[in-house]
């Protein structure tokens, strides 16, 4: 089995990589210079310094349809103040997840950048990744600042508590993967070392330093990669591979490109809302402006991901059967865990509603913003999750739009399995009835924990 996966490189050898710049490398260098010349990060930093929630608490930050619970019977009965709060809380859900994901991006930029730094002529790739990481720090800071002030104002001291955390942890089925020990990672690492023999010259220095310090590559439980490539040992396995092979380092950006496109899909709406306010001469709330300039800043990151995902990998030796397997496994897991469902209460979310979503919505309904009793909160939560409503239909439209974008983007990657090129898990997940049936089962378990 190991021999069948470890086929010889058919493409250029490392010594042959000292060639005239490829079109992909030229495009990446052009993006680097354009990004360096832009001032979007600086504008975000200015907005960060001046932000106070009290200055923008009475304004919508996104278009109204980008609000938690939009399209549900509860939303239709909500007061204007409650609708604005739900609009702000959707901003929190979106950009809190983005901040967590961008924190991980910094780590993976360094791991993969270390691979490209070892290849003569590709140092600019490592430089653009370092620049992006610096920009991500500014993004993360403003997102965290806005989210903290908003949550504290809307949910009070309960905002940062997780009263059901212990119950949820004890009640959730813990698979063998979630209990993965260091020995499981070591076994996977041994396999990777065997299959990547002959590629020692590419070993990322940053990955080496992480292993020397902690004995493990990083593993996250939240954010895009943390949720999409769990359990811990498997995510560490992928991280190790991304720091060992030019093809797999490039493939990481295929996964990052999925995240970029998903964020861009929602931020397009934010951008249109910003321009609408600007055209009308209306007041533009700071978080709306932050989202707009983040959209522009991330356009450079998206371009980097696009060129590395679709073009740069062709500059390197053709992938072995093992490398193709690792790449396809990661792509399939992300597609299956992040994009293969519908949310009833979170616009443009393409996963089933789990305990974390239900717990957050329950907390909102119990807060002073809605002031519901436990009984009423559970009633309205069930109505929102387990009955068909307009919010579901809106998310079907979002789902179909993003599915088409993904299909156009990834169908040309010749190394992907057909199930990945055709986005089959995502295509099968855009069904309202399936989402409702899953929510009924999850809500029944959740409600028992609340009253226990």
Protein backbone atom coordinates (compact mmCIF):
# COMPACT_ATOMS: atom_id res chain seq x y z
CA UNK A 1 0.00 0.00 0.00
CA UNK A 2 2.80 2.45 0.89
CA UNK A 3 4.61 1.72 -2.37
CA UNK A 4 1.46 2.23 -4.41
CA UNK A 5 0.88 5.64 -2.84
CA UNK A 6 4.49 6.79 -3.07
CA UNK A 7 4.95 7.05 -6.83
CA UNK A 8 8.04 8.84 -8.20
CA UNK A 9 7.92 12.52 -9.12
CA UNK A 10 7.25 12.95 -12.83
CA UNK A 11 7.72 16.70 -13.00
CA UNK A 12 10.75 18.90 -12.57
CA UNK A 13 13.41 18.15 -10.00
CA UNK A 14 14.34 20.72 -7.34
CA UNK A 15 17.40 21.78 -9.35
CA UNK A 16 15.17 22.47 -12.33
CA UNK A 17 12.99 24.87 -10.36
CA UNK A 18 15.48 27.69 -11.07
CA UNK A 19 13.58 28.63 -14.22
CA UNK A 20 12.22 31.91 -15.57
CA UNK A 21 9.30 33.13 -13.53
CA UNK A 22 6.09 31.24 -14.19
CA UNK A 23 2.90 33.13 -14.96
CA UNK A 24 1.59 32.16 -11.51
CA UNK A 25 4.66 33.58 -9.80
CA UNK A 26 4.42 36.79 -11.81
CA UNK A 27 0.77 37.21 -10.81
CA UNK A 28 1.63 36.61 -7.15
CA UNK A 29 4.41 39.21 -7.31
CA UNK A 30 2.03 41.71 -8.94
CA UNK A 31 -0.49 41.07 -6.14
CA UNK A 32 2.24 41.58 -3.56
CA UNK A 33 3.17 45.01 -4.95
CA UNK A 34 -0.49 46.07 -5.29
CA UNK A 35 -1.17 44.99 -1.71
CA UNK A 36 1.89 46.86 -0.45
CA UNK A 37 0.74 50.04 -2.18
CA UNK A 38 -2.82 49.87 -0.78
CA UNK A 39 -3.93 51.64 2.38
CA UNK A 40 -6.94 49.52 3.37
CA UNK A 41 -5.24 48.09 6.45
CA UNK A 42 -4.37 51.60 7.60
CA UNK A 43 -8.01 52.66 7.20
CA UNK A 44 -9.09 49.67 9.31
CA UNK A 45 -6.60 50.67 11.99
CA UNK A 46 -8.02 54.21 12.05
CA UNK A 47 -11.55 52.86 12.44
CA UNK A 48 -10.34 50.57 15.22
CA UNK A 49 -8.94 53.46 17.23
CA UNK A 50 -12.16 55.49 17.07
CA UNK A 51 -14.74 52.73 17.65
CA UNK A 52 -17.30 53.08 20.46
CA UNK A 53 -20.38 50.89 20.45
CA UNK A 54 -22.58 53.64 21.88
CA UNK A 55 -21.90 55.72 18.74
CA UNK A 56 -23.40 53.09 16.40
CA UNK A 57 -25.76 51.08 18.58
CA UNK A 58 -28.93 52.41 16.93
CA UNK A 59 -27.96 51.71 13.32
CA UNK A 60 -28.06 48.62 11.12
CA UNK A 61 -24.54 47.43 10.30
CA UNK A 62 -25.50 45.12 7.44
CA UNK A 63 -28.53 44.88 5.19
CA UNK A 64 -31.48 43.75 7.39
CA UNK A 65 -31.62 40.32 5.72
CA UNK A 66 -28.18 39.64 7.19
CA UNK A 67 -29.50 39.35 10.72
CA UNK A 68 -29.78 36.40 13.08
CA UNK A 69 -33.23 34.75 12.93
CA UNK A 70 -34.10 36.66 9.76
CA UNK A 71 -37.19 35.19 8.10
CA UNK A 72 -38.39 33.36 11.22
CA UNK A 73 -41.77 34.07 12.87
CA UNK A 74 -39.89 35.53 15.83
CA UNK A 75 -38.08 38.04 13.64
CA UNK A 76 -41.37 39.22 12.18
CA UNK A 77 -42.68 39.96 15.70
CA UNK A 78 -39.49 41.59 16.95
CA UNK A 79 -39.34 45.31 17.71
CA UNK A 80 -37.10 47.60 15.69
CA UNK A 81 -34.55 47.70 18.53
CA UNK A 82 -34.51 43.90 18.69
CA UNK A 83 -34.05 43.66 14.91
CA UNK A 84 -31.08 46.01 15.10
CA UNK A 85 -29.62 43.89 17.92
CA UNK A 86 -30.03 40.74 15.79
CA UNK A 87 -28.32 42.56 12.93
CA UNK A 88 -25.36 43.38 15.18
CA UNK A 89 -25.25 39.84 16.55
CA UNK A 90 -25.03 38.43 13.05
CA UNK A 91 -22.02 40.70 12.50
CA UNK A 92 -20.57 39.12 15.64
CA UNK A 93 -21.17 35.56 14.43
CA UNK A 94 -19.60 36.33 11.08
CA UNK A 95 -16.54 38.26 12.19
CA UNK A 96 -15.83 36.37 15.40
CA UNK A 97 -15.50 33.25 13.24
CA UNK A 98 -13.40 35.23 10.76
CA UNK A 99 -11.08 36.49 13.51
CA UNK A 100 -10.55 32.96 14.79
CA UNK A 101 -9.90 31.67 11.28
CA UNK A 102 -7.46 34.49 10.51
CA UNK A 103 -5.54 33.71 13.70
CA UNK A 104 -5.01 30.24 12.25
CA UNK A 105 -4.14 31.70 8.85
CA UNK A 106 -1.13 33.44 10.38
CA UNK A 107 0.22 30.10 11.61
CA UNK A 108 -0.36 28.28 8.34
CA UNK A 109 1.09 31.16 6.32
CA UNK A 110 4.31 30.72 8.28
CA UNK A 111 4.33 26.94 7.91
CA UNK A 112 3.73 26.95 4.17
CA UNK A 113 5.83 30.07 3.62
CA UNK A 114 8.75 28.13 5.08
CA UNK A 115 8.42 25.60 2.25
CA UNK A 116 8.48 28.25 -0.48
CA UNK A 117 11.39 30.05 1.19
CA UNK A 118 13.45 26.90 0.57
CA UNK A 119 12.86 27.03 -3.19
CA UNK A 120 15.16 29.37 -5.16
CA UNK A 121 13.18 32.05 -6.94
CA UNK A 122 10.05 31.65 -4.80
CA UNK A 123 11.04 33.89 -1.91
CA UNK A 124 8.37 36.44 -2.90
CA UNK A 125 5.69 33.89 -2.07
CA UNK A 126 6.97 33.77 1.50
CA UNK A 127 7.12 37.59 1.57
CA UNK A 128 3.51 38.07 0.48
CA UNK A 129 2.39 35.56 3.12
CA UNK A 130 4.28 37.52 5.79
CA UNK A 131 2.62 40.74 4.62
CA UNK A 132 -0.81 39.11 4.79
CA UNK A 133 -0.11 37.87 8.31
CA UNK A 134 0.69 41.42 9.44
CA UNK A 135 -2.59 42.61 7.95
CA UNK A 136 -4.49 39.79 9.61
CA UNK A 137 -3.32 41.05 13.00
CA UNK A 138 -5.03 44.39 12.37
CA UNK A 139 -8.19 42.63 11.18
CA UNK A 140 -8.28 40.39 14.23
CA UNK A 141 -7.81 43.28 16.65
CA UNK A 142 -10.68 45.39 15.31
CA UNK A 143 -13.01 42.39 15.06
CA UNK A 144 -12.32 41.40 18.66
CA UNK A 145 -12.75 44.97 19.91
CA UNK A 146 -16.10 45.49 18.18
CA UNK A 147 -17.40 42.06 19.14
CA UNK A 148 -16.45 42.50 22.80
CA UNK A 149 -18.12 45.88 23.20
CA UNK A 150 -21.22 44.74 21.33
CA UNK A 151 -21.71 41.52 23.29
CA UNK A 152 -21.19 43.27 26.60
CA UNK A 153 -23.79 45.89 25.70
CA UNK A 154 -26.41 43.50 24.28
CA UNK A 155 -26.06 40.43 26.50
CA UNK A 156 -24.54 41.85 29.67
CA UNK A 157 -22.36 39.84 32.02
CA UNK A 158 -23.84 36.59 30.70
CA UNK A 159 -22.33 37.25 27.28
CA UNK A 160 -19.06 35.51 28.11
CA UNK A 161 -20.43 32.66 30.19
CA UNK A 162 -21.25 29.18 28.92
CA UNK A 163 -23.69 27.76 31.49
CA UNK A 164 -24.39 24.66 29.40
CA UNK A 165 -20.78 23.94 28.52
CA UNK A 166 -20.30 21.19 31.08
CA UNK A 167 -23.58 19.52 30.22
CA UNK A 168 -22.90 19.69 26.50
CA UNK A 169 -19.43 18.26 26.91
CA UNK A 170 -20.65 15.35 28.97
CA UNK A 171 -23.60 14.64 26.72
CA UNK A 172 -21.90 14.77 23.33
CA UNK A 173 -20.65 11.53 21.90
CA UNK A 174 -16.87 11.63 21.91
CA UNK A 175 -15.51 9.60 19.01
CA UNK A 176 -12.11 8.00 19.02
CA UNK A 177 -10.89 10.89 16.88
CA UNK A 178 -11.80 13.50 19.51
CA UNK A 179 -9.81 11.54 22.10
CA UNK A 180 -6.80 11.23 19.80
CA UNK A 181 -3.63 10.91 21.85
CA UNK A 182 -0.13 11.99 20.97
CA UNK A 183 0.54 8.43 19.85
CA UNK A 184 -2.07 8.68 17.12
CA UNK A 185 -0.41 11.79 15.76
CA UNK A 186 3.00 10.15 15.94
CA UNK A 187 1.67 7.23 13.92
CA UNK A 188 0.29 9.59 11.27
CA UNK A 189 3.53 11.56 11.29
CA UNK A 190 5.52 8.39 10.77
CA UNK A 191 3.36 7.59 7.75
CA UNK A 192 3.87 11.09 6.33
CA UNK A 193 7.64 10.89 6.79
CA UNK A 194 7.76 7.60 4.95
CA UNK A 195 5.66 8.89 2.08
CA UNK A 196 7.53 12.21 1.76
CA UNK A 197 11.04 10.80 1.60
CA UNK A 198 13.16 12.71 -0.85
CA UNK A 199 11.53 16.04 0.01
CA UNK A 200 13.61 16.87 3.09
CA UNK A 201 14.99 20.01 1.42
CA UNK A 202 11.53 21.58 1.53
CA UNK A 203 10.99 21.08 5.28
CA UNK A 204 9.55 24.35 6.62
CA UNK A 205 11.82 25.94 9.21
CA UNK A 206 8.80 27.29 11.08
CA UNK A 207 7.31 23.80 11.28
CA UNK A 208 10.60 22.49 12.64
CA UNK A 209 10.60 25.19 15.32
CA UNK A 210 7.02 24.40 16.32
CA UNK A 211 7.84 20.72 16.65
CA UNK A 212 10.98 21.40 18.65
CA UNK A 213 9.02 23.63 21.02
CA UNK A 214 5.81 21.65 21.48
CA UNK A 215 6.50 18.33 19.72
CA UNK A 216 3.34 18.98 17.69
CA UNK A 217 2.17 21.22 14.85
CA UNK A 218 -0.72 23.49 15.88
CA UNK A 219 -4.22 22.11 16.30
CA UNK A 220 -7.33 24.24 16.69
CA UNK A 221 -10.87 23.32 17.71
CA UNK A 222 -12.66 26.36 16.27
CA UNK A 223 -12.42 28.48 13.14
CA UNK A 224 -12.41 27.28 9.55
CA UNK A 225 -9.60 24.73 9.79
CA UNK A 226 -10.29 23.75 13.39
CA UNK A 227 -13.93 22.88 12.71
CA UNK A 228 -13.42 21.63 9.18
CA UNK A 229 -10.47 19.29 9.71
CA UNK A 230 -11.09 17.95 13.22
CA UNK A 231 -10.15 15.84 15.14
CA UNK A 232 -6.94 17.17 16.62
CA UNK A 233 -4.58 14.44 15.43
CA UNK A 234 -5.85 14.67 11.86
CA UNK A 235 -5.51 18.45 11.71
CA UNK A 236 -1.96 18.12 13.04
CA UNK A 237 -1.31 15.51 10.35
CA UNK A 238 -2.46 17.90 7.63
CA UNK A 239 -0.39 20.73 9.15
CA UNK A 240 2.70 18.53 9.07
CA UNK A 241 2.13 17.68 5.40
CA UNK A 242 1.60 21.34 4.44
CA UNK A 243 5.07 22.09 5.80
CA UNK A 244 6.85 19.31 3.92
CA UNK A 245 5.88 19.41 0.24
CA UNK A 246 5.56 22.21 -2.36
CA UNK A 247 2.46 20.57 -3.81
CA UNK A 248 0.75 20.17 -0.43
CA UNK A 249 1.83 23.66 0.67
CA UNK A 250 0.18 24.95 -2.51
CA UNK A 251 -2.88 22.80 -1.90
CA UNK A 252 -3.39 24.40 1.52
CA UNK A 253 -4.30 27.52 -0.47
CA UNK A 254 -7.01 25.58 -2.27
CA UNK A 255 -8.58 25.08 1.14
CA UNK A 256 -7.92 28.70 2.08
CA UNK A 257 -9.46 29.76 -1.23
CA UNK A 258 -12.68 27.99 -0.19
CA UNK A 259 -12.69 30.06 2.99
CA UNK A 260 -11.91 33.26 1.05
CA UNK A 261 -14.77 32.66 -1.37
CA UNK A 262 -17.20 31.84 1.42
CA UNK A 263 -16.35 35.07 3.25
CA UNK A 264 -16.40 37.07 0.02
CA UNK A 265 -19.87 35.68 -0.74
CA UNK A 266 -21.26 37.35 2.39
CA UNK A 267 -19.05 40.44 2.29
CA UNK A 268 -20.38 41.30 -1.16
CA UNK A 269 -23.64 42.16 0.58
CA UNK A 270 -21.80 44.22 3.19
CA UNK A 271 -20.00 46.05 0.41
CA UNK A 272 -23.24 46.87 -1.38
CA UNK A 273 -24.76 48.12 1.87
CA UNK A 274 -21.75 50.41 2.47
CA UNK A 275 -22.01 51.84 -1.05
CA UNK A 276 -25.76 52.35 -0.70
CA UNK A 277 -25.27 54.41 2.46
CA UNK A 278 -22.42 56.29 0.85
CA UNK A 279 -24.45 57.11 -2.29
CA UNK A 280 -27.40 58.33 -0.21
CA UNK A 281 -25.15 60.45 2.00
CA UNK A 282 -26.27 58.52 5.09
CA UNK A 283 -24.26 57.89 8.25
CA UNK A 284 -21.94 54.88 7.85
CA UNK A 285 -21.44 52.93 11.11
CA UNK A 286 -17.86 52.02 11.90
CA UNK A 287 -18.47 48.23 11.69
CA UNK A 288 -19.99 48.70 8.21
CA UNK A 289 -16.88 50.59 7.12
CA UNK A 290 -14.62 47.98 8.73
CA UNK A 291 -16.40 45.24 6.78
CA UNK A 292 -16.02 47.23 3.56
CA UNK A 293 -12.29 47.85 3.91
CA UNK A 294 -11.78 44.29 5.08
CA UNK A 295 -13.47 43.15 1.87
CA UNK A 296 -10.98 45.24 -0.14
CA UNK A 297 -7.98 44.08 1.91
CA UNK A 298 -9.02 40.44 1.67
CA UNK A 299 -9.34 40.77 -2.11
CA UNK A 300 -5.55 40.63 -2.25
CA UNK A 301 -5.49 37.55 -0.01
CA UNK A 302 -8.14 35.93 -2.19
CA UNK A 303 -6.03 36.62 -5.28
CA UNK A 304 -3.02 35.02 -3.61
CA UNK A 305 -5.09 31.97 -2.74
CA UNK A 306 -6.49 31.78 -6.28
CA UNK A 307 -3.10 31.85 -7.99
CA UNK A 308 -1.55 29.38 -5.55
CA UNK A 309 -4.53 27.03 -5.63
CA UNK A 310 -5.11 26.97 -9.37
CA UNK A 311 -1.72 27.76 -10.91
CA UNK A 312 1.31 27.63 -8.62
CA UNK A 313 1.15 23.91 -7.89
CA UNK A 314 1.83 23.28 -11.59
CA UNK A 315 5.31 24.80 -11.17
CA UNK A 316 6.40 21.90 -8.99
CA UNK A 317 6.93 18.17 -9.52
CA UNK A 318 3.70 16.33 -10.22
CA UNK A 319 2.11 15.07 -6.97
CA UNK A 320 2.58 11.51 -5.89
CA UNK A 321 -0.42 9.29 -5.26
CA UNK A 322 0.09 9.94 -1.54
CA UNK A 323 0.05 13.72 -1.98
CA UNK A 324 -3.12 13.51 -4.06
CA UNK A 325 -4.75 11.37 -1.37
CA UNK A 326 -3.88 13.83 1.42
CA UNK A 327 -5.09 16.79 -0.67
CA UNK A 328 -8.39 15.12 -1.55
CA UNK A 329 -9.02 13.93 1.99
CA UNK A 330 -8.60 17.48 3.35
CA UNK A 331 -10.80 18.96 0.61
CA UNK A 332 -13.52 16.36 1.18
CA UNK A 333 -13.55 16.83 4.96
CA UNK A 334 -13.82 20.61 4.69
CA UNK A 335 -16.58 20.36 2.13
CA UNK A 336 -18.47 17.82 4.20
CA UNK A 337 -18.15 19.62 7.54
CA UNK A 338 -18.41 23.30 6.54
CA UNK A 339 -20.54 23.44 3.39
CA UNK A 340 -22.95 20.48 3.44
CA UNK A 341 -26.02 21.84 5.22
CA UNK A 342 -28.36 24.75 5.90
CA UNK A 343 -28.80 26.88 8.98
CA UNK A 344 -32.30 27.93 10.01
CA UNK A 345 -31.18 30.97 11.97
CA UNK A 346 -27.79 32.16 10.63
CA UNK A 347 -27.85 33.66 7.12
CA UNK A 348 -25.31 32.30 4.63
CA UNK A 349 -24.22 29.52 6.99
CA UNK A 350 -23.90 26.20 5.22
CA UNK A 351 -23.81 23.79 8.13
CA UNK A 352 -26.51 22.24 10.28
CA UNK A 353 -27.43 24.12 13.44
CA UNK A 354 -25.55 22.47 16.28
CA UNK A 355 -25.46 22.88 20.07
CA UNK A 356 -23.25 25.96 19.84
CA UNK A 357 -25.75 27.79 17.60
CA UNK A 358 -28.72 26.77 19.72
CA UNK A 359 -26.95 27.75 22.92
CA UNK A 360 -26.08 31.19 21.53
CA UNK A 361 -29.61 31.91 20.27
CA UNK A 362 -31.05 30.67 23.58
CA UNK A 363 -28.73 33.05 25.44
CA UNK A 364 -29.91 35.97 23.27
CA UNK A 365 -33.58 35.19 23.93
CA UNK A 366 -32.95 34.97 27.66
CA UNK A 367 -30.97 38.23 27.76
CA UNK A 368 -32.44 41.66 28.48
CA UNK A 369 -32.66 42.24 24.71
CA UNK A 370 -35.64 39.84 24.56
CA UNK A 371 -36.25 39.11 28.26
CA UNK A 372 -37.86 35.69 27.71
CA UNK A 373 -38.44 33.00 30.30
CA UNK A 374 -36.75 29.66 29.75
CA UNK A 375 -40.05 28.18 28.54
CA UNK A 376 -40.70 30.96 26.03
CA UNK A 377 -37.11 30.92 24.79
CA UNK A 378 -37.31 27.18 24.07
CA UNK A 379 -40.68 27.62 22.36
CA UNK A 380 -39.41 30.28 19.97
CA UNK A 381 -36.14 28.47 19.42
CA UNK A 382 -38.06 25.37 18.35
CA UNK A 383 -40.29 27.43 16.05
CA UNK A 384 -37.21 28.95 14.42
CA UNK A 385 -35.26 25.70 14.05
CA UNK A 386 -37.86 23.03 13.39
CA UNK A 387 -40.47 24.70 11.17
CA UNK A 388 -40.13 25.82 7.57
CA UNK A 389 -39.90 29.60 7.18
CA UNK A 390 -38.56 32.27 4.84
CA UNK A 391 -35.11 32.21 6.43
CA UNK A 392 -34.61 28.67 5.16
CA UNK A 393 -35.52 29.70 1.63
CA UNK A 394 -33.10 32.61 1.74
CA UNK A 395 -30.31 30.27 2.80
CA UNK A 396 -31.15 27.89 -0.05
CA UNK A 397 -30.49 30.79 -2.44
CA UNK A 398 -27.21 31.57 -0.70
CA UNK A 399 -26.31 27.89 -0.84
CA UNK A 400 -27.01 27.52 -4.56
CA UNK A 401 -25.10 30.70 -5.38
CA UNK A 402 -22.01 29.59 -3.45
CA UNK A 403 -22.23 26.06 -4.82
CA UNK A 404 -22.12 27.42 -8.36
CA UNK A 405 -19.10 29.56 -7.47
CA UNK A 406 -17.26 26.59 -5.99
CA UNK A 407 -18.12 24.36 -8.95
CA UNK A 408 -16.74 26.90 -11.43
CA UNK A 409 -13.62 27.40 -9.35
CA UNK A 410 -12.55 23.88 -8.47
CA UNK A 411 -13.77 21.78 -11.40
CA UNK A 412 -10.53 22.49 -13.30
CA UNK A 413 -8.24 21.00 -10.63
CA UNK A 414 -7.25 17.76 -12.31
CA UNK A 415 -5.93 16.05 -9.18
CA UNK A 416 -9.26 16.23 -7.31
CA UNK A 417 -11.52 13.22 -7.02
CA UNK A 418 -14.81 13.59 -8.91
CA UNK A 419 -16.73 13.81 -5.62
CA UNK A 420 -14.68 16.93 -4.82
CA UNK A 421 -14.66 18.50 -8.28
CA UNK A 422 -18.44 18.16 -8.42
CA UNK A 423 -18.91 19.32 -4.81
CA UNK A 424 -21.26 16.40 -4.15
CA UNK A 425 -21.48 16.66 -0.32
CA UNK A 426 -22.28 20.36 -0.61
CA UNK A 427 -24.81 19.78 -3.39
CA UNK A 428 -26.63 17.19 -1.28
CA UNK A 429 -26.80 19.51 1.75
CA UNK A 430 -29.02 22.26 0.39
CA UNK A 431 -32.37 20.67 1.29
CA UNK A 432 -34.76 22.31 3.75
CA UNK A 433 -36.48 19.08 4.81
CA UNK A 434 -33.16 17.46 5.63
CA UNK A 435 -32.13 20.50 7.69
CA UNK A 436 -35.41 20.51 9.62
CA UNK A 437 -35.22 16.80 10.43
CA UNK A 438 -31.68 17.22 11.71
CA UNK A 439 -32.67 20.24 13.79
CA UNK A 440 -35.58 18.38 15.38
CA UNK A 441 -33.26 15.67 16.66
CA UNK A 442 -30.61 18.11 17.88
CA UNK A 443 -33.15 20.43 19.50
CA UNK A 444 -34.77 17.57 21.42
CA UNK A 445 -31.44 16.73 23.00
CA UNK A 446 -30.59 20.38 23.57
CA UNK A 447 -33.89 21.19 25.28
CA UNK A 448 -33.44 18.30 27.72
CA UNK A 449 -30.09 19.73 28.76
CA UNK A 450 -31.59 23.17 29.34
CA UNK A 451 -34.30 21.91 31.69
CA UNK A 452 -32.08 19.33 33.40
